Amino acid sequence: MTAAERREAARLRSERYRRARDGNPTEARDKSRALRHDRIEAPWVLNGPINAEAFKTYVRVELIKTLKPNDIVVLDNLNSHKGKAVRAMVRSIGARLFFLPSYSPDLKPPLATPPICA
């Protein structure tokens, strides 16, 4: 590593520290996607945490395009997933909703994040 590369790395560490110290942490990213048995569909990356409005936009813009009648959409119990508008959009295609129990580590492995389409 050259001296210039070391200085740049130190500058970046210092900048991240200042943002965190000042109450402006590096912005989180939330990822949503539809998982099928053979592929990932409807990928979506949101700068910042998910909320009801952002999830509704994801369903309207990305997820609905991939759903077919009789698909099953599995969601966890995050409040933003429970909106009436989201339920109506998914059901209008003919897909069904299934909400996971409040705590179900066996049904919710780390890679199977909502929504999951079957």
C-alpha atoms as a PDB file:
ATOM      1  CA  MET A   1       0.000   0.000   0.000  1.00  0.00           C
ATOM      2  CA  THR A   2       1.425   3.355  -0.992  1.00  0.00           C
ATOM      3  CA  ALA A   3       1.530   6.401   1.244  1.00  0.00           C
ATOM      4  CA  ALA A   4      -1.238   8.035  -0.819  1.00  0.00           C
ATOM      5  CA  GLU A   5      -3.456   4.963  -0.437  1.00  0.00           C
ATOM      6  CA  ARG A   6      -2.885   4.953   3.336  1.00  0.00           C
ATOM      7  CA  ARG A   7      -3.812   8.648   3.549  1.00  0.00           C
ATOM      8  CA  GLU A   8      -6.985   8.061   1.520  1.00  0.00           C
ATOM      9  CA  ALA A   9      -7.997   5.114   3.732  1.00  0.00           C
ATOM     10  CA  ALA A  10      -7.427   7.220   6.860  1.00  0.00           C
ATOM     11  CA  ARG A  11      -9.453  10.084   5.373  1.00  0.00           C
ATOM     12  CA  LEU A  12     -12.387   7.749   4.642  1.00  0.00           C
ATOM     13  CA  ARG A  13     -12.261   6.267   8.177  1.00  0.00           C
ATOM     14  CA  SER A  14     -12.205   9.769   9.640  1.00  0.00           C
ATOM     15  CA  GLU A  15     -15.156  10.871   7.498  1.00  0.00           C
ATOM     16  CA  ARG A  16     -17.245   7.847   8.576  1.00  0.00           C
ATOM     17  CA  TYR A  17     -16.348   8.537  12.209  1.00  0.00           C
ATOM     18  CA  ARG A  18     -17.399  12.201  11.940  1.00  0.00           C
ATOM     19  CA  ARG A  19     -20.737  11.274  10.348  1.00  0.00           C
ATOM     20  CA  ALA A  20     -21.473   8.725  13.072  1.00  0.00           C
ATOM     21  CA  ARG A  21     -20.357  11.108  15.833  1.00  0.00           C
ATOM     22  CA  ASP A  22     -22.543  13.931  14.477  1.00  0.00           C
ATOM     23  CA  GLY A  23     -25.635  11.754  14.377  1.00  0.00           C
ATOM     24  CA  ASN A  24     -25.475  11.196  10.634  1.00  0.00           C
ATOM     25  CA  PRO A  25     -24.418   7.557  10.331  1.00  0.00           C
ATOM     26  CA  THR A  26     -23.729   6.074   6.963  1.00  0.00           C
ATOM     27  CA  GLU A  27     -27.137   5.505   5.470  1.00  0.00           C
ATOM     28  CA  ALA A  28     -28.569   2.019   5.752  1.00  0.00           C
ATOM     29  CA  ARG A  29     -29.873   0.155   2.729  1.00  0.00           C
ATOM     30  CA  ASP A  30     -32.867  -2.119   2.692  1.00  0.00           C
ATOM     31  CA  LYS A  31     -33.115  -4.883   0.117  1.00  0.00           C
ATOM     32  CA  SER A  32     -36.309  -6.579  -1.027  1.00  0.00           C
ATOM     33  CA  ARG A  33     -36.674  -9.309  -3.620  1.00  0.00           C
ATOM     34  CA  ALA A  34     -38.942 -12.077  -4.753  1.00  0.00           C
ATOM     35  CA  LEU A  35     -37.445 -15.547  -4.482  1.00  0.00           C
ATOM     36  CA  ARG A  36     -38.646 -18.389  -6.628  1.00  0.00           C
ATOM     37  CA  HIS A  37     -37.368 -21.947  -6.520  1.00  0.00           C
ATOM     38  CA  ASP A  38     -35.068 -21.278  -9.478  1.00  0.00           C
ATOM     39  CA  ARG A  39     -34.375 -17.532  -9.525  1.00  0.00           C
ATOM     40  CA  ILE A  40     -34.594 -14.125  -7.867  1.00  0.00           C
ATOM     41  CA  GLU A  41     -37.127 -11.681  -9.251  1.00  0.00           C
ATOM     42  CA  ALA A  42     -38.061  -8.068  -8.557  1.00  0.00           C
ATOM     43  CA  PRO A  43     -34.843  -6.941  -6.839  1.00  0.00           C
ATOM     44  CA  TRP A  44     -35.131  -3.592  -5.069  1.00  0.00           C
ATOM     45  CA  VAL A  45     -32.591  -1.606  -3.066  1.00  0.00           C
ATOM     46  CA  LEU A  46     -33.795   1.303  -0.961  1.00  0.00           C
ATOM     47  CA  ASN A  47     -31.463   3.887   0.520  1.00  0.00           C
ATOM     48  CA  GLY A  48     -32.626   3.960   4.099  1.00  0.00           C
ATOM     49  CA  PRO A  49     -34.926   1.785   6.168  1.00  0.00           C
ATOM     50  CA  ILE A  50     -38.136   0.365   4.731  1.00  0.00           C
ATOM     51  CA  ASN A  51     -41.452   1.921   5.692  1.00  0.00           C
ATOM     52  CA  ALA A  52     -45.055   1.339   4.624  1.00  0.00           C
ATOM     53  CA  GLU A  53     -44.962   3.827   1.751  1.00  0.00           C
ATOM     54  CA  ALA A  54     -41.668   2.481   0.384  1.00  0.00           C
ATOM     55  CA  PHE A  55     -42.895  -1.120   0.582  1.00  0.00           C
ATOM     56  CA  LYS A  56     -46.152  -0.190  -1.149  1.00  0.00           C
ATOM     57  CA  THR A  57     -44.108   1.407  -3.938  1.00  0.00           C
ATOM     58  CA  TYR A  58     -41.978  -1.742  -4.226  1.00  0.00           C
ATOM     59  CA  VAL A  59     -45.066  -3.936  -4.533  1.00  0.00           C
ATOM     60  CA  ARG A  60     -46.709  -1.606  -7.082  1.00  0.00           C
ATOM     61  CA  VAL A  61     -43.596  -1.000  -9.213  1.00  0.00           C
ATOM     62  CA  GLU A  62     -41.665  -4.288  -9.060  1.00  0.00           C
ATOM     63  CA  LEU A  63     -43.404  -7.194  -7.358  1.00  0.00           C
ATOM     64  CA  ILE A  64     -46.768  -7.013  -9.149  1.00  0.00           C
ATOM     65  CA  LYS A  65     -45.014  -7.434 -12.524  1.00  0.00           C
ATOM     66  CA  THR A  66     -43.672 -10.833 -11.442  1.00  0.00           C
ATOM     67  CA  LEU A  67     -46.755 -12.288  -9.741  1.00  0.00           C
ATOM     68  CA  LYS A  68     -49.088 -14.771 -11.394  1.00  0.00           C
ATOM     69  CA  PRO A  69     -52.446 -16.130 -10.236  1.00  0.00           C
ATOM     70  CA  ASN A  70     -52.078 -18.670  -7.397  1.00  0.00           C
ATOM     71  CA  ASP A  71     -48.582 -17.465  -6.429  1.00  0.00           C
ATOM     72  CA  ILE A  72     -48.000 -17.403  -2.689  1.00  0.00           C
ATOM     73  CA  VAL A  73     -46.368 -14.313  -1.214  1.00  0.00           C
ATOM     74  CA  VAL A  74     -44.754 -15.017   2.168  1.00  0.00           C
ATOM     75  CA  LEU A  75     -44.131 -11.985   4.376  1.00  0.00           C
ATOM     76  CA  ASP A  76     -42.790 -11.559   7.864  1.00  0.00           C
ATOM     77  CA  ASN A  77     -44.681  -9.496  10.424  1.00  0.00           C
ATOM     78  CA  LEU A  78     -43.018  -6.170   9.771  1.00  0.00           C
ATOM     79  CA  ASN A  79     -45.679  -3.477  10.115  1.00  0.00           C
ATOM     80  CA  SER A  80     -44.908  -2.051   6.681  1.00  0.00           C
ATOM     81  CA  HIS A  81     -45.856  -5.411   5.115  1.00  0.00           C
ATOM     82  CA  LYS A  82     -49.338  -5.444   6.652  1.00  0.00           C
ATOM     83  CA  GLY A  83     -50.950  -2.507   4.845  1.00  0.00           C
ATOM     84  CA  LYS A  84     -54.371  -2.902   3.267  1.00  0.00           C
ATOM     85  CA  ALA A  85     -53.134  -1.404  -0.005  1.00  0.00           C
ATOM     86  CA  VAL A  86     -50.368  -4.019  -0.261  1.00  0.00           C
ATOM     87  CA  ARG A  87     -52.848  -6.826   0.439  1.00  0.00           C
ATOM     88  CA  ALA A  88     -55.252  -5.468  -2.173  1.00  0.00           C
ATOM     89  CA  MET A  89     -52.554  -5.174  -4.846  1.00  0.00           C
ATOM     90  CA  VAL A  90     -51.287  -8.729  -4.292  1.00  0.00           C
ATOM     91  CA  ARG A  91     -54.790 -10.208  -4.182  1.00  0.00           C
ATOM     92  CA  SER A  92     -55.869  -8.297  -7.320  1.00  0.00           C
ATOM     93  CA  ILE A  93     -53.433 -10.459  -9.323  1.00  0.00           C
ATOM     94  CA  GLY A  94     -54.879 -13.620  -7.818  1.00  0.00           C
ATOM     95  CA  ALA A  95     -51.888 -14.307  -5.587  1.00  0.00           C
ATOM     96  CA  ARG A  96     -52.246 -15.307  -1.944  1.00  0.00           C
ATOM     97  CA  LEU A  97     -50.605 -13.840   1.150  1.00  0.00           C
ATOM     98  CA  PHE A  98     -49.066 -15.866   3.947  1.00  0.00           C
ATOM     99  CA  PHE A  99     -47.681 -14.111   7.030  1.00  0.00           C
ATOM    100  CA  LEU A 100     -45.023 -15.869   9.052  1.00  0.00           C
ATOM    101  CA  PRO A 101     -45.617 -16.280  12.791  1.00  0.00           C
ATOM    102  CA  SER A 102     -44.141 -13.577  15.028  1.00  0.00           C
ATOM    103  CA  TYR A 103     -40.987 -15.558  15.735  1.00  0.00           C
ATOM    104  CA  SER A 104     -40.136 -18.393  13.403  1.00  0.00           C
ATOM    105  CA  PRO A 105     -36.423 -18.919  12.796  1.00  0.00           C
ATOM    106  CA  ASP A 106     -37.149 -22.269  11.128  1.00  0.00           C
ATOM    107  CA  LEU A 107     -39.456 -20.626   8.583  1.00  0.00           C
ATOM    108  CA  LYS A 108     -37.347 -17.546   8.040  1.00  0.00           C
ATOM    109  CA  PRO A 109     -33.755 -18.440   7.163  1.00  0.00           C
ATOM    110  CA  PRO A 110     -31.396 -15.472   6.653  1.00  0.00           C
ATOM    111  CA  LEU A 111     -31.472 -15.623   2.840  1.00  0.00           C
ATOM    112  CA  ALA A 112     -35.245 -15.996   2.523  1.00  0.00           C
ATOM    113  CA  THR A 113     -36.185 -12.399   3.159  1.00  0.00           C
ATOM    114  CA  PRO A 114     -39.661 -11.193   2.241  1.00  0.00           C
ATOM    115  CA  PRO A 115     -41.390 -11.264  -0.084  1.00  0.00           C
ATOM    116  CA  ILE A 116     -41.020 -14.829  -1.290  1.00  0.00           C
ATOM    117  CA  CYS A 117     -43.074 -15.972  -4.252  1.00  0.00           C
ATOM    118  CA  ALA A 118     -43.792 -19.642  -4.810  1.00  0.00           C
END
